[in-house]
Amino acid sequence: MVYPASDALIAALAHSHRMTADVLLIRGADITPLPFVGGMVSATYNAQVGRTGTVAMERNYYEGLSVSTLSDVVMIRTGIPTIEMVPVMTGRVDAIQNDRTTGAVTLSVVDRGADIARALFEVPWAVAEGQSTIDVMTAMIQDVDPSFVVEVGPGVIDDAATAGNYEEDRGAALDELAKGINAVWLASRTGSFLIASNPYKGTAIASGITIRNGVDGTIREATDTVSRSVVRNSITVVSESIVRGVTPMRVTVRDTDPGSPTRWGGPFGKQNCIIRNDTLRTIPAATDFAQRLLNQSLAMVHSWTITTPHFPLLDPLDVFDTVYNEATITQVVESVDYPLLALDQTSIAARELAS
């Protein structure tokens, strides 16, 4: 979901403005500003630890605060001080690199997804027949820390989870459960967790914001790439139930339209993809899932790289509109780099959303 910034901030981001950032060191109820001299936060949708950051410090500040990798958490924000500061990441201090020669200190920060991915199941996690997928996912996350807040985004439709046992990998178990309801799970900007609709699988929500080029626009540079490498004209879905004794399913759908430029075996050739989704229970469900993926892949997929002076409102999987030279294109964010210094640019990688 596009960050719900105030109208005043959205208007200010479209014009020249004074950008700043801050890093807050969180120790229980104590919050202390952490002086820094540079850094970057990167966010991507296709990783269990979706947000990573670096914070560059001078050694005297680092030593004065005694920053620790054992318990310290930081929140990183950017914005316009007179209007609103926007959190872009909350996570643990994961590593500290101390350059003894130059005196430079660099903190590596990971989002709370790392807490989940690193907490393997000590015993297999059993899922009973008929349990809500969202309830199971919430329980798996809060089993790591009961204080974790789990939110469900718009467009997510709950369904019963497949019964069975998940052996070790908590992150992979959450991935599998989310696939069954066409969703993804990710850590939020503020340290909570979100179960979000997956726009690439037919459950996209409406565009949340528009950015444009030109005199009143925020786009500084844009590169549009069209490639056949991302197109697949055959999709095979494999579902092997985690319940012992249930026969695996394998369903293939292809572009067989005689007039299609991407017809299987035609001038385009053959490019296929095999997707595993062990939450599917029936042949019709697997066929429907494969067809949605095929329809998405057959569209002429445009990949965009967009740079703006400062724009901290977009997150991975956000649906947004670009207006470039008066042409409007709906896109999905794949990754964002948020700078901590005013002279650096925000970089957004996105892909055109096909129906």
Protein backbone atom coordinates (compact mmCIF):
# COMPACT_ATOMS: atom_id res chain seq x y z
CA MET A 1 0.00 0.00 0.00
CA VAL A 2 1.30 3.44 -0.88
CA TYR A 3 2.34 5.18 2.32
CA PRO A 4 -0.61 7.27 3.58
CA ALA A 5 1.18 10.61 3.62
CA SER A 6 -0.60 13.89 4.23
CA ASP A 7 -1.85 15.92 1.29
CA ALA A 8 0.63 18.62 2.27
CA LEU A 9 3.58 16.22 1.97
CA ILE A 10 2.39 14.78 -1.35
CA ALA A 11 2.06 18.29 -2.77
CA ALA A 12 5.49 19.32 -1.47
CA LEU A 13 7.23 16.24 -2.93
CA ALA A 14 6.10 17.31 -6.40
CA HIS A 15 8.21 20.49 -6.21
CA SER A 16 11.61 21.57 -5.03
CA HIS A 17 11.81 20.98 -1.29
CA ARG A 18 14.21 20.54 1.61
CA MET A 19 14.68 16.83 2.29
CA THR A 20 16.20 15.41 5.44
CA ALA A 21 16.55 12.04 7.14
CA ASP A 22 16.97 10.80 10.68
CA VAL A 23 17.93 7.53 12.33
CA LEU A 24 16.38 6.71 15.69
CA LEU A 25 18.03 4.22 18.05
CA ILE A 26 15.31 2.27 19.91
CA ARG A 27 16.10 0.57 23.21
CA GLY A 28 12.88 -0.44 24.90
CA ALA A 29 11.00 2.77 25.68
CA ASP A 30 14.07 4.94 25.01
CA ILE A 31 14.46 6.56 21.59
CA THR A 32 17.73 8.36 20.83
CA PRO A 33 18.70 10.20 17.60
CA LEU A 34 21.68 8.48 16.03
CA PRO A 35 24.06 10.88 14.21
CA PHE A 36 25.05 9.68 10.73
CA VAL A 37 26.95 10.90 7.69
CA GLY A 38 25.34 8.82 4.96
CA GLY A 39 23.48 5.68 4.08
CA MET A 40 20.80 4.00 2.01
CA VAL A 41 17.74 1.79 2.49
CA SER A 42 16.82 -0.76 -0.18
CA ALA A 43 13.47 -2.55 -0.35
CA THR A 44 12.45 -5.42 -2.61
CA TYR A 45 9.41 -7.69 -2.72
CA ASN A 46 11.05 -11.00 -3.64
CA ALA A 47 12.96 -11.70 -0.43
CA GLN A 48 11.95 -12.75 3.08
CA VAL A 49 14.17 -9.96 4.40
CA GLY A 50 12.73 -7.32 2.11
CA ARG A 51 14.38 -4.20 3.57
CA THR A 52 18.06 -3.74 4.22
CA GLY A 53 19.92 -0.58 5.11
CA THR A 54 23.32 0.90 5.75
CA VAL A 55 24.03 3.79 8.10
CA ALA A 56 27.45 5.45 8.01
CA MET A 57 28.66 6.98 11.28
CA GLU A 58 31.71 8.68 12.64
CA ARG A 59 33.52 6.56 15.23
CA ASN A 60 33.19 9.00 18.11
CA TYR A 61 29.38 8.94 17.83
CA TYR A 62 29.35 5.17 17.55
CA GLU A 63 31.50 4.69 20.62
CA GLY A 64 29.51 7.24 22.62
CA LEU A 65 26.26 5.37 22.01
CA SER A 66 27.73 1.85 22.38
CA VAL A 67 25.61 0.53 19.50
CA SER A 68 25.03 -3.22 19.87
CA THR A 69 24.09 -5.99 17.43
CA LEU A 70 22.59 -8.02 20.28
CA SER A 71 19.48 -5.98 20.95
CA ASP A 72 19.43 -2.56 19.27
CA VAL A 73 16.70 -1.61 16.81
CA VAL A 74 16.66 1.47 14.58
CA MET A 75 13.96 3.31 12.69
CA ILE A 76 15.09 5.23 9.59
CA ARG A 77 12.95 8.09 8.30
CA THR A 78 13.08 10.64 5.51
CA GLY A 79 10.83 13.59 4.80
CA ILE A 80 10.38 17.32 5.09
CA PRO A 81 10.92 18.40 8.71
CA THR A 82 8.34 21.17 8.63
CA ILE A 83 5.63 18.86 7.23
CA GLU A 84 6.10 15.13 7.92
CA MET A 85 8.79 12.50 8.45
CA VAL A 86 8.11 9.16 6.73
CA PRO A 87 9.52 5.90 8.14
CA VAL A 88 11.22 3.83 5.43
CA MET A 89 12.58 1.02 7.60
CA THR A 90 12.55 -0.42 11.10
CA GLY A 91 14.87 -3.26 11.96
CA ARG A 92 17.74 -4.70 13.94
CA VAL A 93 21.36 -3.60 13.80
CA ASP A 94 22.64 -6.79 12.17
CA ALA A 95 26.35 -6.05 11.76
CA ILE A 96 28.85 -3.28 12.46
CA GLN A 97 31.86 -2.68 10.24
CA ASN A 98 34.52 -0.63 12.00
CA ASP A 99 37.27 0.65 9.68
CA ARG A 100 40.20 1.06 12.04
CA THR A 101 42.21 2.92 9.39
CA THR A 102 39.75 5.66 8.44
CA GLY A 103 37.58 5.74 11.54
CA ALA A 104 34.44 5.10 9.51
CA VAL A 105 31.74 2.93 11.04
CA THR A 106 28.95 1.35 8.99
CA LEU A 107 25.87 -0.23 10.51
CA SER A 108 24.03 -2.90 8.52
CA VAL A 109 20.32 -3.02 9.31
CA VAL A 110 17.80 -5.76 8.45
CA ASP A 111 14.02 -5.59 8.76
CA ARG A 112 12.01 -7.72 11.17
CA GLY A 113 11.60 -10.35 8.45
CA ALA A 114 15.05 -11.54 9.52
CA ASP A 115 13.60 -12.43 12.94
CA ILE A 116 11.11 -14.71 11.18
CA ALA A 117 13.45 -16.24 8.61
CA ARG A 118 16.07 -17.12 11.23
CA ALA A 119 13.64 -18.69 13.70
CA LEU A 120 13.35 -22.23 12.36
CA PHE A 121 10.68 -24.52 13.75
CA GLU A 122 12.16 -26.52 16.62
CA VAL A 123 9.43 -29.09 16.07
CA PRO A 124 7.23 -29.42 12.94
CA TRP A 125 4.34 -26.94 12.81
CA ALA A 126 1.04 -28.78 12.37
CA VAL A 127 -1.81 -27.25 10.39
CA ALA A 128 -5.26 -28.76 10.92
CA GLU A 129 -7.87 -29.18 8.21
CA GLY A 130 -10.05 -26.08 7.86
CA GLN A 131 -7.80 -23.61 9.66
CA SER A 132 -7.79 -20.07 8.31
CA THR A 133 -4.64 -19.34 6.29
CA ILE A 134 -4.40 -15.83 7.76
CA ASP A 135 -4.80 -17.20 11.30
CA VAL A 136 -2.05 -19.77 10.72
CA MET A 137 0.32 -17.17 9.25
CA THR A 138 -0.37 -14.77 12.12
CA ALA A 139 0.31 -17.51 14.67
CA MET A 140 3.61 -18.43 12.97
CA ILE A 141 4.78 -14.81 13.05
CA GLN A 142 3.66 -14.08 16.61
CA ASP A 143 5.22 -17.34 17.82
CA VAL A 144 8.56 -15.59 17.25
CA ASP A 145 7.49 -12.48 19.17
CA PRO A 146 3.95 -12.04 20.57
CA SER A 147 4.32 -8.24 20.23
CA PHE A 148 4.55 -8.42 16.42
CA VAL A 149 1.52 -6.81 14.78
CA VAL A 150 0.16 -8.59 11.68
CA GLU A 151 -2.03 -6.59 9.29
CA VAL A 152 -4.01 -7.80 6.27
CA GLY A 153 -3.96 -5.58 3.21
CA PRO A 154 -6.90 -4.76 0.92
CA GLY A 155 -7.84 -7.37 -1.67
CA VAL A 156 -6.60 -10.37 0.35
CA ILE A 157 -9.19 -13.16 0.45
CA ASP A 158 -8.71 -15.72 3.21
CA ASP A 159 -9.17 -19.45 2.63
CA ALA A 160 -8.65 -22.68 4.51
CA ALA A 161 -5.02 -23.76 4.72
CA THR A 162 -3.89 -27.17 3.51
CA ALA A 163 -3.59 -29.61 6.40
CA GLY A 164 -0.17 -31.08 7.14
CA ASN A 165 3.17 -30.38 8.83
CA TYR A 166 5.80 -27.76 8.04
CA GLU A 167 9.16 -29.19 9.03
CA GLU A 168 11.81 -26.49 9.62
CA ASP A 169 11.80 -23.32 7.52
CA ARG A 170 9.37 -20.79 8.99
CA GLY A 171 9.88 -18.27 6.18
CA ALA A 172 9.29 -20.89 3.49
CA ALA A 173 6.16 -22.08 5.31
CA LEU A 174 4.79 -18.51 5.27
CA ASP A 175 5.67 -18.20 1.58
CA GLU A 176 3.77 -21.39 0.82
CA LEU A 177 0.72 -20.40 2.84
CA ALA A 178 0.64 -16.95 1.25
CA LYS A 179 0.76 -18.42 -2.26
CA GLY A 180 -2.41 -20.34 -1.51
CA ILE A 181 -4.38 -17.09 -1.15
CA ASN A 182 -2.51 -15.16 -3.89
CA ALA A 183 -0.71 -13.07 -1.32
CA VAL A 184 2.75 -12.31 0.01
CA TRP A 185 4.01 -11.56 3.51
CA LEU A 186 6.52 -8.85 4.31
CA ALA A 187 7.82 -6.66 7.10
CA SER A 188 6.51 -3.11 7.05
CA ARG A 189 8.27 0.22 7.37
CA THR A 190 7.43 0.43 11.07
CA GLY A 191 8.33 -3.09 12.20
CA SER A 192 4.93 -4.74 11.86
CA PHE A 193 4.05 -7.40 9.27
CA LEU A 194 1.71 -7.22 6.31
CA ILE A 195 -0.09 -9.97 4.41
CA ALA A 196 -0.56 -8.23 1.08
CA SER A 197 -2.35 -8.93 -2.18
CA ASN A 198 -0.03 -10.12 -4.96
CA PRO A 199 -0.68 -7.85 -7.98
CA TYR A 200 1.09 -10.25 -10.35
CA LYS A 201 -1.50 -12.98 -9.78
CA GLY A 202 -4.77 -11.30 -10.54
CA THR A 203 -5.51 -9.66 -7.20
CA ALA A 204 -4.17 -6.14 -7.75
CA ILE A 205 -5.69 -3.20 -5.96
CA ALA A 206 -6.22 0.18 -7.59
CA SER A 207 -3.36 2.57 -8.20
CA GLY A 208 -2.48 4.50 -5.08
CA ILE A 209 -0.64 7.51 -6.51
CA THR A 210 0.45 9.14 -9.76
CA ILE A 211 3.93 10.46 -10.54
CA ARG A 212 4.78 12.34 -13.72
CA ASN A 213 7.51 14.06 -15.63
CA GLY A 214 7.53 17.63 -16.86
CA VAL A 215 7.55 21.00 -15.15
CA ASP A 216 5.29 19.94 -12.26
CA GLY A 217 6.48 16.33 -12.12
CA THR A 218 8.75 14.34 -9.83
CA ILE A 219 10.32 12.03 -12.44
CA ARG A 220 13.86 13.12 -13.26
CA GLU A 221 14.88 10.18 -15.46
CA ALA A 222 13.11 7.07 -16.80
CA THR A 223 14.27 4.07 -18.79
CA ASP A 224 11.76 1.68 -20.39
CA THR A 225 12.98 -1.78 -21.41
CA VAL A 226 11.00 -4.36 -23.39
CA SER A 227 12.37 -7.90 -23.34
CA ARG A 228 11.25 -11.33 -24.57
CA SER A 229 13.22 -12.95 -21.75
CA VAL A 230 10.39 -12.42 -19.26
CA VAL A 231 7.65 -13.86 -21.51
CA ARG A 232 6.56 -17.48 -20.98
CA ASN A 233 4.07 -19.08 -23.39
CA SER A 234 3.63 -22.23 -21.31
CA ILE A 235 3.10 -22.49 -17.57
CA THR A 236 3.26 -25.75 -15.61
CA VAL A 237 1.98 -25.77 -12.04
CA VAL A 238 3.07 -28.58 -9.75
CA SER A 239 1.29 -29.17 -6.44
CA GLU A 240 2.46 -31.88 -4.11
CA SER A 241 0.36 -31.91 -0.97
CA ILE A 242 2.15 -31.93 2.36
CA VAL A 243 -0.36 -34.63 3.38
CA ARG A 244 1.19 -38.08 2.93
CA GLY A 245 -0.49 -40.34 0.39
CA VAL A 246 -2.09 -37.57 -1.68
CA THR A 247 -1.24 -37.85 -5.38
CA PRO A 248 0.76 -34.86 -6.74
CA MET A 249 -0.91 -32.68 -9.40
CA ARG A 250 0.78 -31.34 -12.53
CA VAL A 251 -1.12 -28.96 -14.84
CA THR A 252 0.17 -27.22 -17.97
CA VAL A 253 -1.50 -24.38 -19.86
CA ARG A 254 -0.11 -22.94 -23.11
CA ASP A 255 -0.76 -20.13 -25.53
CA THR A 256 -2.50 -22.12 -28.28
CA ASP A 257 -4.25 -19.23 -30.06
CA PRO A 258 -3.42 -19.67 -33.79
CA GLY A 259 -3.32 -15.88 -34.26
CA SER A 260 -1.14 -15.13 -31.25
CA PRO A 261 2.40 -13.86 -31.86
CA THR A 262 3.51 -15.87 -28.82
CA ARG A 263 1.79 -19.13 -29.83
CA TRP A 264 3.53 -22.20 -28.39
CA GLY A 265 5.73 -23.62 -31.17
CA GLY A 266 5.11 -20.63 -33.48
CA PRO A 267 7.57 -17.89 -34.55
CA PHE A 268 8.12 -16.91 -30.91
CA GLY A 269 9.31 -20.40 -30.04
CA LYS A 270 8.90 -22.21 -26.74
CA GLN A 271 9.64 -20.62 -23.38
CA ASN A 272 8.09 -22.33 -20.41
CA CYS A 273 8.09 -22.00 -16.65
CA ILE A 274 7.42 -24.51 -13.86
CA ILE A 275 5.82 -23.14 -10.70
CA ARG A 276 5.38 -25.11 -7.48
CA ASN A 277 2.38 -24.28 -5.31
CA ASP A 278 1.65 -26.97 -2.75
CA THR A 279 -1.45 -25.22 -1.41
CA LEU A 280 -3.58 -26.04 -4.47
CA ARG A 281 -5.99 -28.91 -3.89
CA THR A 282 -7.87 -29.55 -7.15
CA ILE A 283 -7.14 -29.67 -10.87
CA PRO A 284 -9.54 -26.74 -11.59
CA ALA A 285 -7.81 -24.60 -8.95
CA ALA A 286 -4.37 -25.43 -10.35
CA THR A 287 -5.55 -24.75 -13.91
CA ASP A 288 -7.02 -21.39 -12.93
CA PHE A 289 -3.80 -20.45 -11.14
CA ALA A 290 -1.68 -21.43 -14.17
CA GLN A 291 -3.95 -19.52 -16.57
CA ARG A 292 -3.63 -16.32 -14.54
CA LEU A 293 0.15 -16.61 -14.61
CA LEU A 294 0.10 -17.28 -18.36
CA ASN A 295 -2.11 -14.27 -19.07
CA GLN A 296 0.24 -12.03 -17.11
CA SER A 297 3.35 -13.39 -18.80
CA LEU A 298 2.01 -13.10 -22.34
CA ALA A 299 1.58 -9.36 -22.02
CA MET A 300 4.41 -7.29 -23.47
CA VAL A 301 6.17 -6.63 -20.21
CA HIS A 302 7.92 -3.28 -19.85
CA SER A 303 10.47 -2.86 -17.10
CA TRP A 304 11.04 0.69 -15.92
CA THR A 305 13.77 2.35 -13.91
CA ILE A 306 12.69 5.72 -12.55
CA THR A 307 14.72 8.24 -10.59
CA THR A 308 13.30 11.12 -8.59
CA PRO A 309 14.99 13.72 -6.35
CA HIS A 310 13.22 12.46 -3.21
CA PHE A 311 10.11 10.31 -3.08
CA PRO A 312 9.75 8.04 -0.02
CA LEU A 313 6.10 7.02 -0.45
CA LEU A 314 6.32 3.91 -2.66
CA ASP A 315 6.96 0.37 -1.41
CA PRO A 316 7.55 -2.94 -3.22
CA LEU A 317 4.27 -4.30 -4.66
CA ASP A 318 2.61 -0.86 -4.62
CA VAL A 319 0.50 -0.21 -7.71
CA PHE A 320 1.00 3.30 -9.10
CA ASP A 321 0.52 5.30 -12.29
CA THR A 322 3.23 7.04 -14.26
CA VAL A 323 2.39 9.85 -16.63
CA TYR A 324 5.32 10.25 -18.99
CA ASN A 325 4.94 12.60 -21.94
CA GLU A 326 1.16 12.44 -21.41
CA ALA A 327 1.00 8.62 -21.62
CA THR A 328 -0.41 6.93 -18.49
CA ILE A 329 0.94 3.51 -17.52
CA THR A 330 -0.04 1.46 -14.45
CA GLN A 331 2.96 -0.20 -12.85
CA VAL A 332 3.99 -2.36 -9.90
CA VAL A 333 6.99 -1.45 -7.77
CA GLU A 334 9.61 -4.18 -7.66
CA SER A 335 12.26 -2.39 -5.62
CA VAL A 336 13.08 1.03 -4.19
CA ASP A 337 16.31 2.63 -2.99
CA TYR A 338 15.73 5.41 -0.45
CA PRO A 339 18.73 7.72 0.07
CA LEU A 340 19.57 9.30 3.42
CA LEU A 341 21.34 12.32 1.92
CA ALA A 342 19.53 15.10 0.06
CA LEU A 343 21.88 15.07 -2.93
CA ASP A 344 21.23 11.39 -3.67
CA GLN A 345 18.27 10.23 -5.76
CA THR A 346 15.43 7.83 -5.07
CA SER A 347 15.57 4.94 -7.54
CA ILE A 348 12.43 2.93 -8.36
CA ALA A 349 12.40 -0.30 -10.38
CA ALA A 350 8.92 -1.14 -11.65
CA ARG A 351 7.13 -3.38 -14.11
CA GLU A 352 4.10 -2.55 -16.19
CA LEU A 353 1.02 -4.26 -14.79
CA ALA A 354 -0.79 -6.29 -17.43
CA SER A 355 -4.35 -7.47 -16.95
